[in-house]
């Protein structure tokens, strides 16, 4: 984790989103991997967006498509 006021890296944001999805999935009684509640859909959507952004950045650094 980063210090207060310090900008968090894309990787940190991605990992935090993954943690949030896992924690929500473990405690939500209405969500499942195939049918998520509104909060679960929002959290999972954010995870997918951050994952895609992170992988795109890695590919750009390595020069791969």
C-alpha atoms as a PDB file:
ATOM      1  CA  UNK A   1       0.000   0.000   0.000  1.00  0.00           C
ATOM      2  CA  UNK A   2       1.148   3.540  -0.634  1.00  0.00           C
ATOM      3  CA  UNK A   3       1.492   6.520   1.687  1.00  0.00           C
ATOM      4  CA  UNK A   4      -1.361   9.010   2.008  1.00  0.00           C
ATOM      5  CA  UNK A   5      -1.168  11.595  -0.728  1.00  0.00           C
ATOM      6  CA  UNK A   6       1.010   9.411  -2.944  1.00  0.00           C
ATOM      7  CA  UNK A   7      -0.477   8.356  -6.263  1.00  0.00           C
ATOM      8  CA  UNK A   8      -1.295   4.646  -6.362  1.00  0.00           C
ATOM      9  CA  UNK A   9      -0.012   2.589  -9.264  1.00  0.00           C
ATOM     10  CA  UNK A  10      -2.327   0.935 -11.749  1.00  0.00           C
ATOM     11  CA  UNK A  11      -1.168  -2.424 -10.398  1.00  0.00           C
ATOM     12  CA  UNK A  12      -2.139  -1.398  -6.839  1.00  0.00           C
ATOM     13  CA  UNK A  13      -5.582  -0.293  -8.034  1.00  0.00           C
ATOM     14  CA  UNK A  14      -6.000  -3.572  -9.934  1.00  0.00           C
ATOM     15  CA  UNK A  15      -5.026  -5.669  -6.898  1.00  0.00           C
ATOM     16  CA  UNK A  16      -7.286  -3.630  -4.599  1.00  0.00           C
ATOM     17  CA  UNK A  17     -10.198  -4.203  -6.996  1.00  0.00           C
ATOM     18  CA  UNK A  18      -9.456  -7.937  -7.000  1.00  0.00           C
ATOM     19  CA  UNK A  19      -9.485  -7.962  -3.200  1.00  0.00           C
ATOM     20  CA  UNK A  20     -12.767  -6.036  -3.120  1.00  0.00           C
ATOM     21  CA  UNK A  21     -14.415  -8.530  -5.489  1.00  0.00           C
ATOM     22  CA  UNK A  22     -13.158 -11.510  -3.485  1.00  0.00           C
ATOM     23  CA  UNK A  23     -14.290 -10.005  -0.185  1.00  0.00           C
ATOM     24  CA  UNK A  24     -17.692  -9.129  -1.602  1.00  0.00           C
ATOM     25  CA  UNK A  25     -18.136 -12.592  -3.123  1.00  0.00           C
ATOM     26  CA  UNK A  26     -17.256 -14.181   0.218  1.00  0.00           C
ATOM     27  CA  UNK A  27     -19.815 -12.180   2.187  1.00  0.00           C
ATOM     28  CA  UNK A  28     -22.683 -11.377  -0.192  1.00  0.00           C
ATOM     29  CA  UNK A  29     -25.614 -13.751   0.088  1.00  0.00           C
ATOM     30  CA  UNK A  30     -27.186 -12.735  -3.237  1.00  0.00           C
ATOM     31  CA  UNK A  31     -24.131 -12.812  -5.525  1.00  0.00           C
ATOM     32  CA  UNK A  32     -22.597 -15.748  -7.335  1.00  0.00           C
ATOM     33  CA  UNK A  33     -19.923 -15.864 -10.060  1.00  0.00           C
ATOM     34  CA  UNK A  34     -22.675 -16.217 -12.675  1.00  0.00           C
ATOM     35  CA  UNK A  35     -25.309 -13.881 -11.178  1.00  0.00           C
ATOM     36  CA  UNK A  36     -23.975 -10.861  -9.304  1.00  0.00           C
ATOM     37  CA  UNK A  37     -25.932  -8.319  -7.290  1.00  0.00           C
ATOM     38  CA  UNK A  38     -25.717  -4.633  -8.284  1.00  0.00           C
ATOM     39  CA  UNK A  39     -22.718  -4.006  -6.033  1.00  0.00           C
ATOM     40  CA  UNK A  40     -21.032  -7.197  -7.228  1.00  0.00           C
ATOM     41  CA  UNK A  41     -21.542  -6.180 -10.871  1.00  0.00           C
ATOM     42  CA  UNK A  42     -20.046  -2.746 -10.194  1.00  0.00           C
ATOM     43  CA  UNK A  43     -17.029  -4.180  -8.370  1.00  0.00           C
ATOM     44  CA  UNK A  44     -16.451  -6.866 -11.003  1.00  0.00           C
ATOM     45  CA  UNK A  45     -16.805  -4.327 -13.831  1.00  0.00           C
ATOM     46  CA  UNK A  46     -14.169  -2.134 -12.193  1.00  0.00           C
ATOM     47  CA  UNK A  47     -11.880  -5.154 -11.782  1.00  0.00           C
ATOM     48  CA  UNK A  48     -12.239  -6.072 -15.460  1.00  0.00           C
ATOM     49  CA  UNK A  49     -11.554  -2.482 -16.561  1.00  0.00           C
ATOM     50  CA  UNK A  50      -8.452  -2.204 -14.367  1.00  0.00           C
ATOM     51  CA  UNK A  51      -7.196  -5.627 -15.463  1.00  0.00           C
ATOM     52  CA  UNK A  52      -7.554  -4.684 -19.117  1.00  0.00           C
ATOM     53  CA  UNK A  53      -5.837  -1.336 -18.547  1.00  0.00           C
ATOM     54  CA  UNK A  54      -2.993  -3.016 -16.666  1.00  0.00           C
ATOM     55  CA  UNK A  55      -2.465  -5.711 -19.315  1.00  0.00           C
ATOM     56  CA  UNK A  56      -2.614  -3.111 -22.098  1.00  0.00           C
ATOM     57  CA  UNK A  57       0.083  -1.089 -20.337  1.00  0.00           C
ATOM     58  CA  UNK A  58       2.266  -4.196 -19.913  1.00  0.00           C
ATOM     59  CA  UNK A  59       1.917  -5.069 -23.591  1.00  0.00           C
ATOM     60  CA  UNK A  60       2.804  -1.511 -24.589  1.00  0.00           C
ATOM     61  CA  UNK A  61       5.942  -1.589 -22.426  1.00  0.00           C
ATOM     62  CA  UNK A  62       7.024  -4.877 -23.990  1.00  0.00           C
ATOM     63  CA  UNK A  63       6.025  -3.855 -27.491  1.00  0.00           C
ATOM     64  CA  UNK A  64       3.666  -6.804 -27.963  1.00  0.00           C
ATOM     65  CA  UNK A  65       0.145  -6.613 -29.420  1.00  0.00           C
END
